[in-house]
Amino acid sequence: MADPATDEPSLAAADGRAAIVTGGASGIGLACVERLLAAGWRVGILDRDHGALARVRERFGDAPAARIAELDVTDEPAATRVVGDIANAFGRLDGVVNSAGIGADAHVLDTPVELLRRILDVNVVGTFVVGRAGARIMQATGGAIVNIASISGLRGSKGRAAYGASKGAVVTLTQVMAVDLAPWRIRVNAVAPGPVDTPMVETLHPPEVRRAYLHHVPMRRYARADEIAAAVLFLLDDTLSSYVTGEILAVDGGFRGAGMMLIEE
């Protein structure tokens, strides 16, 4: 598929709402893309992973409802340009899903400052940069932004000094954005997943961590990425969540609300 910055014919006359999804080539982001396309949305799929983008191009490259572009969400000028190009190609922008993110499992005493800064840059600054770029376009028409936070930003968990701090910042950023953007009918919410079977989680959750989560999650399983995407679609859709903004929706199998549970031998 051609880059959205090229002189392709505009899709402004096409029906259907339009959204962009960062981190859209894998994991939760890809599940959001699949859900949105199935629901009739047109979707800008943004990612920085060349291999994942190549696979997405093979799968969706000929679909008129999809636009695919490489983006490092920490690059403010590039984000502004790419978000604007996709909105112009679709003739509108109704939603932004900030799913791009990185993580680490490191004890606080073993967390390098440069790792902390890198995770904050991608997870917090990237969410701000892309969300603001989308909001500036949606000021004229209204819309919705959904940020992907994490249960690690709501509760302290081992090894999450950098990741948990970044997602806690996403939670507060979401609430501030909801307040600031409400006058333009732009709703801003976040989904806070618990453990989800994604490529990133596979690298961060060795067997002992999986056993611990399966004990502490009342539903005794990891989520599917599609289950997180369903919550994202709910929060994007004005017909389903028109009076919901500033909300942090935990999709975590009961982890946040769990109290004492029996230890299973």
Protein backbone atom coordinates (compact mmCIF):
# COMPACT_ATOMS: atom_id res chain seq x y z
CA MET A 1 0.00 0.00 0.00
CA ALA A 2 1.21 3.49 -0.74
CA ASP A 3 2.28 5.81 2.04
CA PRO A 4 -0.58 8.11 3.14
CA ALA A 5 1.62 11.09 2.37
CA THR A 6 1.48 10.36 -1.37
CA ASP A 7 -1.00 11.93 -3.78
CA GLU A 8 -3.59 9.16 -3.61
CA PRO A 9 -7.23 9.93 -4.39
CA SER A 10 -9.07 11.05 -1.27
CA LEU A 11 -11.45 8.65 0.45
CA ALA A 12 -13.53 11.53 1.79
CA ALA A 13 -16.62 10.32 -0.06
CA ALA A 14 -16.51 6.86 1.54
CA ASP A 15 -18.88 5.93 4.34
CA GLY A 16 -17.71 4.97 7.82
CA ARG A 17 -15.90 6.53 10.70
CA ALA A 18 -12.12 6.72 10.77
CA ALA A 19 -9.56 6.06 13.48
CA ILE A 20 -5.83 5.70 13.88
CA VAL A 21 -4.21 2.98 15.98
CA THR A 22 -0.61 3.26 17.14
CA GLY A 23 1.20 0.01 17.78
CA GLY A 24 -1.35 -1.32 15.31
CA ALA A 25 0.79 -4.04 13.75
CA SER A 26 0.81 -6.48 16.68
CA GLY A 27 -0.72 -7.41 20.02
CA ILE A 28 -3.53 -5.30 21.41
CA GLY A 29 -3.11 -2.70 18.68
CA LEU A 30 -3.60 -5.27 15.92
CA ALA A 31 -6.65 -6.68 17.72
CA CYS A 32 -8.08 -3.14 17.82
CA VAL A 33 -7.46 -2.77 14.07
CA GLU A 34 -9.28 -6.04 13.40
CA ARG A 35 -12.23 -5.06 15.59
CA LEU A 36 -12.54 -1.62 14.02
CA LEU A 37 -12.37 -2.87 10.45
CA ALA A 38 -14.96 -5.55 11.21
CA ALA A 39 -17.25 -2.84 12.64
CA GLY A 40 -17.00 -0.76 9.46
CA TRP A 41 -14.40 1.78 10.56
CA ARG A 42 -11.56 2.94 8.34
CA VAL A 43 -8.27 2.59 10.13
CA GLY A 44 -4.82 4.12 9.96
CA ILE A 45 -2.40 1.44 11.17
CA LEU A 46 0.75 2.98 12.65
CA ASP A 47 3.78 1.13 13.99
CA ARG A 48 7.57 1.33 14.03
CA ASP A 49 8.27 -2.42 13.79
CA HIS A 50 9.34 -3.11 10.20
CA GLY A 51 8.68 -6.84 10.35
CA ALA A 52 5.23 -6.44 11.89
CA LEU A 53 4.36 -3.70 9.39
CA ALA A 54 5.37 -5.98 6.51
CA ARG A 55 2.99 -8.66 7.76
CA VAL A 56 0.19 -6.12 8.14
CA ARG A 57 0.81 -4.84 4.61
CA GLU A 58 0.49 -8.40 3.29
CA ARG A 59 -2.78 -8.81 5.14
CA PHE A 60 -4.47 -5.41 4.75
CA GLY A 61 -2.45 -3.65 2.05
CA ASP A 62 -5.17 -3.82 -0.60
CA ALA A 63 -8.06 -2.96 1.72
CA PRO A 64 -9.47 0.50 0.90
CA ALA A 65 -10.45 0.90 4.55
CA ALA A 66 -6.85 0.64 5.76
CA ARG A 67 -3.93 3.05 5.59
CA ILE A 68 -0.55 1.83 6.82
CA ALA A 69 2.41 3.98 7.85
CA GLU A 70 5.59 3.68 9.85
CA LEU A 71 5.72 5.94 12.91
CA ASP A 72 7.89 6.41 15.96
CA VAL A 73 5.37 7.95 18.35
CA THR A 74 8.09 9.94 20.12
CA ASP A 75 8.83 11.87 16.91
CA GLU A 76 6.50 14.86 17.26
CA PRO A 77 6.87 16.31 13.72
CA ALA A 78 6.41 12.88 12.14
CA ALA A 79 3.37 12.11 14.30
CA THR A 80 1.72 15.41 13.39
CA ARG A 81 2.36 14.81 9.70
CA VAL A 82 1.25 11.16 9.60
CA VAL A 83 -1.91 11.71 11.66
CA GLY A 84 -2.81 14.66 9.44
CA ASP A 85 -2.12 12.70 6.25
CA ILE A 86 -4.35 9.83 7.31
CA ALA A 87 -7.16 12.18 8.39
CA ASN A 88 -6.93 13.89 5.00
CA ALA A 89 -6.95 10.58 3.15
CA PHE A 90 -10.09 9.48 4.98
CA GLY A 91 -11.66 12.92 4.95
CA ARG A 92 -12.28 12.77 8.69
CA LEU A 93 -10.93 11.53 12.00
CA ASP A 94 -13.23 10.17 14.69
CA GLY A 95 -10.95 8.21 16.98
CA VAL A 96 -7.42 7.67 18.22
CA VAL A 97 -6.17 4.52 19.93
CA ASN A 98 -2.81 4.93 21.65
CA SER A 99 -1.60 1.36 21.89
CA ALA A 100 2.11 1.78 21.13
CA GLY A 101 4.15 0.91 24.19
CA ILE A 102 7.18 -0.86 25.58
CA GLY A 103 7.76 -2.57 28.90
CA ALA A 104 10.35 -4.08 31.21
CA ASP A 105 10.47 -6.36 34.22
CA ALA A 106 13.31 -5.09 36.41
CA HIS A 107 13.73 -4.66 40.14
CA VAL A 108 13.77 -1.02 41.17
CA LEU A 109 17.39 -1.37 42.31
CA ASP A 110 18.33 -2.77 38.91
CA THR A 111 16.40 -0.30 36.73
CA PRO A 112 18.76 1.95 34.77
CA VAL A 113 17.74 5.58 34.49
CA GLU A 114 18.06 5.38 30.71
CA LEU A 115 15.52 2.52 30.68
CA LEU A 116 13.12 4.55 32.81
CA ARG A 117 13.48 7.53 30.47
CA ARG A 118 12.97 5.40 27.36
CA ILE A 119 9.80 3.78 28.68
CA LEU A 120 8.39 7.12 29.82
CA ASP A 121 9.22 8.61 26.43
CA VAL A 122 7.37 5.96 24.44
CA ASN A 123 4.47 5.24 26.78
CA VAL A 124 3.73 8.72 28.11
CA VAL A 125 5.21 11.24 25.68
CA GLY A 126 4.15 9.14 22.68
CA THR A 127 0.58 8.93 24.00
CA PHE A 128 0.55 12.69 24.53
CA VAL A 129 2.04 13.53 21.13
CA VAL A 130 -0.31 11.36 19.06
CA GLY A 131 -3.36 12.08 21.22
CA ARG A 132 -2.81 15.83 20.93
CA ALA A 133 -2.27 15.60 17.16
CA GLY A 134 -5.55 13.73 16.80
CA ALA A 135 -7.39 16.08 19.16
CA ARG A 136 -6.34 19.13 17.17
CA ILE A 137 -8.00 17.60 14.11
CA MET A 138 -11.10 16.43 16.00
CA GLN A 139 -11.70 19.87 17.56
CA ALA A 140 -13.99 20.68 14.65
CA THR A 141 -16.14 17.57 14.83
CA GLY A 142 -15.66 15.82 18.17
CA GLY A 143 -14.41 12.31 18.61
CA ALA A 144 -12.84 9.89 21.06
CA ILE A 145 -9.38 8.97 22.27
CA VAL A 146 -8.63 5.68 24.00
CA ASN A 147 -5.28 5.25 25.69
CA ILE A 148 -3.93 1.85 26.64
CA ALA A 149 -2.88 2.06 30.28
CA SER A 150 -2.30 -1.03 32.43
CA ILE A 151 -3.27 -2.56 35.71
CA SER A 152 0.41 -1.95 36.53
CA GLY A 153 -0.42 1.76 36.56
CA LEU A 154 -3.16 1.23 39.15
CA ARG A 155 -1.50 -1.23 41.54
CA GLY A 156 2.09 -1.80 42.54
CA SER A 157 3.56 -4.96 41.08
CA LYS A 158 7.06 -6.37 41.29
CA GLY A 159 9.53 -5.26 38.63
CA ARG A 160 7.32 -2.47 37.31
CA ALA A 161 9.16 0.65 38.49
CA ALA A 162 9.52 2.01 34.95
CA TYR A 163 6.53 0.42 33.26
CA GLY A 164 4.13 0.97 36.15
CA ALA A 165 5.19 4.59 36.55
CA SER A 166 4.63 5.19 32.84
CA LYS A 167 1.17 3.66 32.88
CA GLY A 168 0.25 5.55 36.04
CA ALA A 169 1.16 8.70 34.12
CA VAL A 170 -1.05 7.57 31.23
CA VAL A 171 -3.94 7.23 33.69
CA THR A 172 -3.56 10.82 34.92
CA LEU A 173 -2.89 12.13 31.41
CA THR A 174 -6.12 10.49 30.26
CA GLN A 175 -8.13 12.22 32.97
CA VAL A 176 -6.55 15.62 32.28
CA MET A 177 -7.15 15.26 28.55
CA ALA A 178 -10.78 14.36 29.24
CA VAL A 179 -11.26 17.58 31.18
CA ASP A 180 -9.40 19.81 28.73
CA LEU A 181 -11.00 18.39 25.59
CA ALA A 182 -14.61 18.05 26.76
CA PRO A 183 -15.59 21.50 25.37
CA TRP A 184 -14.85 20.16 21.87
CA ARG A 185 -16.90 16.98 22.44
CA ILE A 186 -13.76 14.87 22.47
CA ARG A 187 -14.06 12.05 24.98
CA VAL A 188 -10.86 10.57 26.42
CA ASN A 189 -10.75 7.25 28.27
CA ALA A 190 -8.26 4.50 28.97
CA VAL A 191 -8.36 0.74 29.12
CA ALA A 192 -6.16 -0.82 31.80
CA PRO A 193 -5.50 -4.42 30.81
CA GLY A 194 -4.39 -7.07 33.22
CA PRO A 195 -2.21 -9.90 31.86
CA VAL A 196 -2.84 -10.39 28.14
CA ASP A 197 -1.35 -12.96 25.80
CA THR A 198 0.62 -10.72 23.45
CA PRO A 199 4.14 -10.88 21.98
CA MET A 200 5.40 -8.31 24.51
CA VAL A 201 3.96 -10.24 27.45
CA GLU A 202 5.55 -13.44 26.19
CA THR A 203 8.96 -11.82 26.63
CA LEU A 204 8.18 -10.26 30.04
CA HIS A 205 6.32 -13.10 31.77
CA PRO A 206 8.46 -16.18 32.45
CA PRO A 207 6.68 -19.27 33.83
CA GLU A 208 6.93 -18.16 37.48
CA VAL A 209 5.29 -14.81 36.67
CA ARG A 210 2.50 -16.52 34.75
CA ARG A 211 1.86 -18.81 37.72
CA ALA A 212 1.65 -15.80 40.04
CA TYR A 213 -0.80 -13.98 37.78
CA LEU A 214 -2.96 -17.07 37.36
CA HIS A 215 -3.19 -17.27 41.13
CA HIS A 216 -4.03 -13.60 41.69
CA VAL A 217 -6.48 -13.15 38.79
CA PRO A 218 -9.89 -14.43 39.93
CA MET A 219 -10.76 -15.63 36.41
CA ARG A 220 -7.57 -17.74 36.46
CA ARG A 221 -6.45 -16.96 32.92
CA TYR A 222 -4.79 -14.37 30.74
CA ALA A 223 -6.94 -12.20 28.48
CA ARG A 224 -7.03 -12.49 24.74
CA ALA A 225 -6.01 -9.34 22.91
CA ASP A 226 -9.44 -9.30 21.27
CA GLU A 227 -11.08 -8.94 24.69
CA ILE A 228 -9.15 -5.72 25.27
CA ALA A 229 -10.04 -4.51 21.77
CA ALA A 230 -13.74 -5.02 22.49
CA ALA A 231 -13.49 -2.59 25.40
CA VAL A 232 -11.61 -0.12 23.21
CA LEU A 233 -14.32 -0.26 20.57
CA PHE A 234 -16.97 0.38 23.22
CA LEU A 235 -15.15 3.51 24.40
CA LEU A 236 -14.62 4.78 20.85
CA ASP A 237 -18.24 4.39 19.81
CA ASP A 238 -20.39 7.44 20.52
CA THR A 239 -23.56 5.39 20.29
CA LEU A 240 -22.37 3.08 23.09
CA SER A 241 -20.39 5.35 25.42
CA SER A 242 -21.52 8.89 24.62
CA TYR A 243 -21.45 10.02 28.28
CA VAL A 244 -18.25 8.25 29.30
CA THR A 245 -15.08 10.31 29.58
CA GLY A 246 -12.14 10.36 31.96
CA GLU A 247 -12.81 6.71 32.80
CA ILE A 248 -10.14 4.07 33.39
CA LEU A 249 -11.70 0.74 32.49
CA ALA A 250 -9.84 -2.22 33.97
CA VAL A 251 -10.12 -5.31 31.78
CA ASP A 252 -8.21 -7.61 34.06
CA GLY A 253 -10.23 -10.68 35.01
CA GLY A 254 -10.93 -9.16 38.43
CA PHE A 255 -7.29 -8.52 39.42
CA ARG A 256 -7.77 -4.91 40.58
CA GLY A 257 -10.78 -5.71 42.73
CA ALA A 258 -9.56 -8.97 44.20
CA GLY A 259 -9.18 -9.44 47.92
CA MET A 260 -8.12 -12.55 49.80
CA MET A 261 -8.30 -15.71 47.73
CA LEU A 262 -7.66 -19.30 48.66
CA ILE A 263 -4.23 -20.63 47.69
CA GLU A 264 -4.71 -23.55 45.33
CA GLU A 265 -2.24 -26.36 45.85
